[in-house]
Amino acid sequence: EQSQQQQQQQLREPEYEQTLWIAPRFLPRLIGTAGRCIAEFEHRSGATIVTGIRADMHGMKALAVQGTMSKVRKGTVLVMNRIASWVAADQQGPTAREILIPNVAVSQVIGKGGWKLCEFQ
């Protein structure tokens, strides 16, 4: 029995942690109302995302993304893309474009519950 448990532990992917340093003005938006935004990132990536109270000497706040390497990558990309979209919106960019989508492809572009559309943003 112990050898099976040892084998299962060896087969599990190792856990990683990526620390992102975030401007404090973004933290409330990243957390979201009742933690919904962070919960969405965790659900979509499979990673655990933890906000810290510590700050570096420039006032940047720590945000830890934890999990397997692929989950950490997905979580990190989600967080960074969301921040990039906020920065672009704050700077009156990016340029808006109109894209025509055939009716047969609309549901694929939007995705279940709007998930795909959310990824484009």
Foldseek 3Di string as FASTA:
>chain_A
DVVVVVVVVVPDADKDKDKDFAAVVCVDVCCDDVRVNQVVLCVVLVWHWDWDPDHPPVRTTIIMTMDGPSSSVSSVVVVVVVVVVVVQVVVVDDDDDDDDDDPVCVCVCQDDVRVNVVVVD
